[in-house]
Structures are given as structure tokens and as C-alpha cells.
Amino acid sequence: MEIAWFHSHLLHLNSGGTRFVFETCHGLSQTYHHDVTIYCDTASEESMQHERELDIKLVELDTSSTNS
């Protein structure tokens, strides 16, 4: 089964929401062998590294800044 998960941002690995997304997607992938892709607007370099370690696909949709 292919699963697409959208989360607005993955900025801090120590935050509850980011941790929940990664742990749940990793569990779906490892336990049930689902093909999981996480889509988000922005992701930190730390999050990008973590997704590579967990072998989960992560797609960053919008890397532009609105802080101009």
C-alpha cells in the first residue's frame, strides 16, 4: 500500500508532532511494509538526515521564505 502523509513542517526532531510523524511512518513501513512518503512545506536538515536513516521518503514542497 502506498501512503502519503502531509505535515506542515518538520523542523525539530524533539517536538512531539515531528517525532509522532516519523515514528508512525517508520512503523507503517517496517511492520506492514507500506510505501510511505511524507510531504511537508519545510523540513530542517536534521529532519532530512533522520528520514534517510529511517529509509522514509520525504518531499519538501515549499522551500521559499515568507520572512522577507
N, C-alpha and C. Protein backbone atom coordinates (compact mmCIF):
# COMPACT_ATOMS: atom_id res chain seq x y z
N MET A 1 0.85 -1.17 0.00
CA MET A 1 0.00 0.00 0.00
C MET A 1 0.90 1.24 0.00
N GLU A 2 0.53 2.23 -0.77
CA GLU A 2 1.24 3.50 -0.77
C GLU A 2 0.49 4.49 0.10
N ILE A 3 1.23 5.14 1.01
CA ILE A 3 0.64 6.10 1.93
C ILE A 3 1.35 7.43 1.76
N ALA A 4 0.57 8.49 1.59
CA ALA A 4 1.09 9.86 1.52
C ALA A 4 0.63 10.57 2.80
N TRP A 5 1.57 11.13 3.53
CA TRP A 5 1.27 11.82 4.78
C TRP A 5 1.71 13.27 4.61
N PHE A 6 0.82 14.23 4.84
CA PHE A 6 1.19 15.64 4.80
C PHE A 6 1.30 16.17 6.21
N HIS A 7 2.40 16.85 6.48
CA HIS A 7 2.61 17.54 7.76
C HIS A 7 3.17 18.91 7.41
N SER A 8 2.67 19.95 8.01
CA SER A 8 3.03 21.31 7.59
C SER A 8 4.54 21.57 7.63
N HIS A 9 5.20 21.13 8.69
CA HIS A 9 6.65 21.33 8.77
C HIS A 9 7.28 20.28 9.67
N LEU A 10 8.52 19.98 9.39
CA LEU A 10 9.31 19.05 10.19
C LEU A 10 10.60 19.77 10.56
N LEU A 11 10.52 20.58 11.59
CA LEU A 11 11.64 21.45 11.91
C LEU A 11 12.48 20.97 13.09
N HIS A 12 11.88 20.35 14.07
CA HIS A 12 12.62 19.96 15.28
C HIS A 12 12.31 18.50 15.61
N LEU A 13 13.35 17.68 15.65
CA LEU A 13 13.13 16.26 15.95
C LEU A 13 12.65 16.03 17.38
N ASN A 14 12.90 16.98 18.25
CA ASN A 14 12.49 16.79 19.64
C ASN A 14 11.05 17.26 19.90
N SER A 15 10.36 17.76 18.86
CA SER A 15 8.96 18.16 19.08
C SER A 15 8.05 16.94 18.94
N GLY A 16 6.97 16.96 19.67
CA GLY A 16 6.06 15.81 19.71
C GLY A 16 5.46 15.46 18.36
N GLY A 17 5.03 16.49 17.60
CA GLY A 17 4.40 16.24 16.30
C GLY A 17 5.35 15.61 15.31
N THR A 18 6.56 16.14 15.21
CA THR A 18 7.56 15.60 14.28
C THR A 18 7.93 14.18 14.67
N ARG A 19 8.15 13.96 15.95
CA ARG A 19 8.50 12.62 16.43
C ARG A 19 7.38 11.62 16.12
N PHE A 20 6.13 12.03 16.34
CA PHE A 20 4.98 11.17 16.05
C PHE A 20 4.93 10.80 14.58
N VAL A 21 5.11 11.79 13.70
CA VAL A 21 5.07 11.53 12.26
C VAL A 21 6.15 10.52 11.87
N PHE A 22 7.39 10.76 12.29
CA PHE A 22 8.48 9.86 11.93
C PHE A 22 8.28 8.45 12.49
N GLU A 23 7.91 8.36 13.76
CA GLU A 23 7.74 7.04 14.38
C GLU A 23 6.59 6.27 13.74
N THR A 24 5.48 6.94 13.45
CA THR A 24 4.34 6.27 12.84
C THR A 24 4.66 5.82 11.43
N CYS A 25 5.26 6.69 10.64
CA CYS A 25 5.61 6.33 9.26
C CYS A 25 6.65 5.22 9.23
N HIS A 26 7.61 5.28 10.12
CA HIS A 26 8.61 4.21 10.20
C HIS A 26 7.96 2.88 10.57
N GLY A 27 7.03 2.91 11.51
CA GLY A 27 6.31 1.69 11.90
C GLY A 27 5.48 1.12 10.77
N LEU A 28 4.79 1.98 10.04
CA LEU A 28 3.99 1.52 8.89
C LEU A 28 4.88 0.88 7.83
N SER A 29 6.04 1.46 7.64
CA SER A 29 6.97 0.95 6.64
C SER A 29 7.60 -0.37 7.08
N GLN A 30 8.10 -0.42 8.30
CA GLN A 30 8.82 -1.60 8.78
C GLN A 30 7.90 -2.76 9.15
N THR A 31 6.82 -2.47 9.84
CA THR A 31 5.93 -3.53 10.34
C THR A 31 5.01 -4.06 9.26
N TYR A 32 4.44 -3.14 8.46
CA TYR A 32 3.43 -3.55 7.49
C TYR A 32 3.91 -3.46 6.04
N HIS A 33 5.17 -3.04 5.85
CA HIS A 33 5.80 -2.96 4.53
C HIS A 33 5.05 -2.03 3.57
N HIS A 34 4.46 -0.96 4.11
CA HIS A 34 3.82 0.04 3.27
C HIS A 34 4.86 1.00 2.73
N ASP A 35 4.61 1.55 1.56
CA ASP A 35 5.47 2.54 0.95
C ASP A 35 4.98 3.91 1.41
N VAL A 36 5.72 4.54 2.32
CA VAL A 36 5.27 5.79 2.95
C VAL A 36 6.10 6.97 2.44
N THR A 37 5.41 8.03 2.05
CA THR A 37 6.06 9.27 1.66
C THR A 37 5.48 10.39 2.51
N ILE A 38 6.36 11.17 3.13
CA ILE A 38 5.95 12.32 3.93
C ILE A 38 6.12 13.56 3.06
N TYR A 39 5.06 14.36 2.97
CA TYR A 39 5.10 15.64 2.26
C TYR A 39 5.00 16.74 3.30
N CYS A 40 5.84 17.76 3.18
CA CYS A 40 5.76 18.89 4.10
C CYS A 40 6.16 20.17 3.36
N ASP A 41 5.78 21.30 3.92
CA ASP A 41 6.19 22.57 3.33
C ASP A 41 7.68 22.82 3.56
N THR A 42 8.12 22.64 4.80
CA THR A 42 9.53 22.86 5.12
C THR A 42 10.04 21.77 6.05
N ALA A 43 11.32 21.46 5.90
CA ALA A 43 11.96 20.46 6.75
C ALA A 43 13.38 20.92 7.07
N SER A 44 13.79 20.71 8.29
CA SER A 44 15.15 21.07 8.69
C SER A 44 16.13 20.04 8.14
N GLU A 45 17.39 20.41 8.11
CA GLU A 45 18.43 19.48 7.66
C GLU A 45 18.46 18.25 8.58
N GLU A 46 18.22 18.49 9.87
CA GLU A 46 18.16 17.40 10.85
C GLU A 46 17.05 16.40 10.50
N SER A 47 15.90 16.91 10.09
CA SER A 47 14.79 16.05 9.69
C SER A 47 15.11 15.29 8.40
N MET A 48 15.75 15.96 7.46
CA MET A 48 16.13 15.31 6.21
C MET A 48 17.11 14.16 6.47
N GLN A 49 18.05 14.38 7.38
CA GLN A 49 19.00 13.33 7.75
C GLN A 49 18.28 12.16 8.42
N HIS A 50 17.34 12.47 9.30
CA HIS A 50 16.61 11.44 10.04
C HIS A 50 15.78 10.58 9.08
N GLU A 51 15.15 11.19 8.08
CA GLU A 51 14.35 10.40 7.13
C GLU A 51 15.24 9.47 6.33
N ARG A 52 16.46 9.89 6.02
CA ARG A 52 17.39 8.99 5.31
C ARG A 52 17.79 7.81 6.19
N GLU A 53 18.00 8.07 7.49
CA GLU A 53 18.35 7.00 8.42
C GLU A 53 17.22 5.99 8.56
N LEU A 54 15.96 6.47 8.52
CA LEU A 54 14.80 5.59 8.67
C LEU A 54 14.35 4.99 7.34
N ASP A 55 14.96 5.40 6.25
CA ASP A 55 14.60 4.94 4.91
C ASP A 55 13.14 5.25 4.58
N ILE A 56 12.77 6.51 4.85
CA ILE A 56 11.43 7.02 4.54
C ILE A 56 11.61 8.13 3.51
N LYS A 57 10.70 8.22 2.57
CA LYS A 57 10.77 9.30 1.58
C LYS A 57 10.18 10.57 2.17
N LEU A 58 10.88 11.67 1.95
CA LEU A 58 10.43 12.98 2.42
C LEU A 58 10.51 13.96 1.27
N VAL A 59 9.39 14.62 0.99
CA VAL A 59 9.32 15.59 -0.10
C VAL A 59 9.01 16.95 0.50
N GLU A 60 9.90 17.90 0.27
CA GLU A 60 9.71 19.27 0.75
C GLU A 60 9.03 20.05 -0.37
N LEU A 61 7.84 20.57 -0.12
CA LEU A 61 7.05 21.21 -1.17
C LEU A 61 7.36 22.68 -1.39
N ASP A 62 7.62 23.42 -0.32
CA ASP A 62 7.80 24.85 -0.45
C ASP A 62 8.99 25.29 0.38
N THR A 63 10.08 25.57 -0.28
CA THR A 63 11.29 25.99 0.46
C THR A 63 11.46 27.50 0.45
N SER A 64 10.53 28.21 -0.16
CA SER A 64 10.65 29.67 -0.20
C SER A 64 10.34 30.26 1.17
N SER A 65 10.92 31.39 1.45
CA SER A 65 10.72 32.05 2.74
C SER A 65 9.68 33.15 2.62
N THR A 66 8.88 33.29 3.66
CA THR A 66 7.92 34.40 3.72
C THR A 66 8.40 35.45 4.71
N ASN A 67 9.64 35.32 5.16
CA ASN A 67 10.18 36.25 6.16
C ASN A 67 10.93 37.41 5.53
N SER A 68 10.56 37.82 4.33
CA SER A 68 11.31 38.89 3.67
C SER A 68 10.79 40.26 4.06
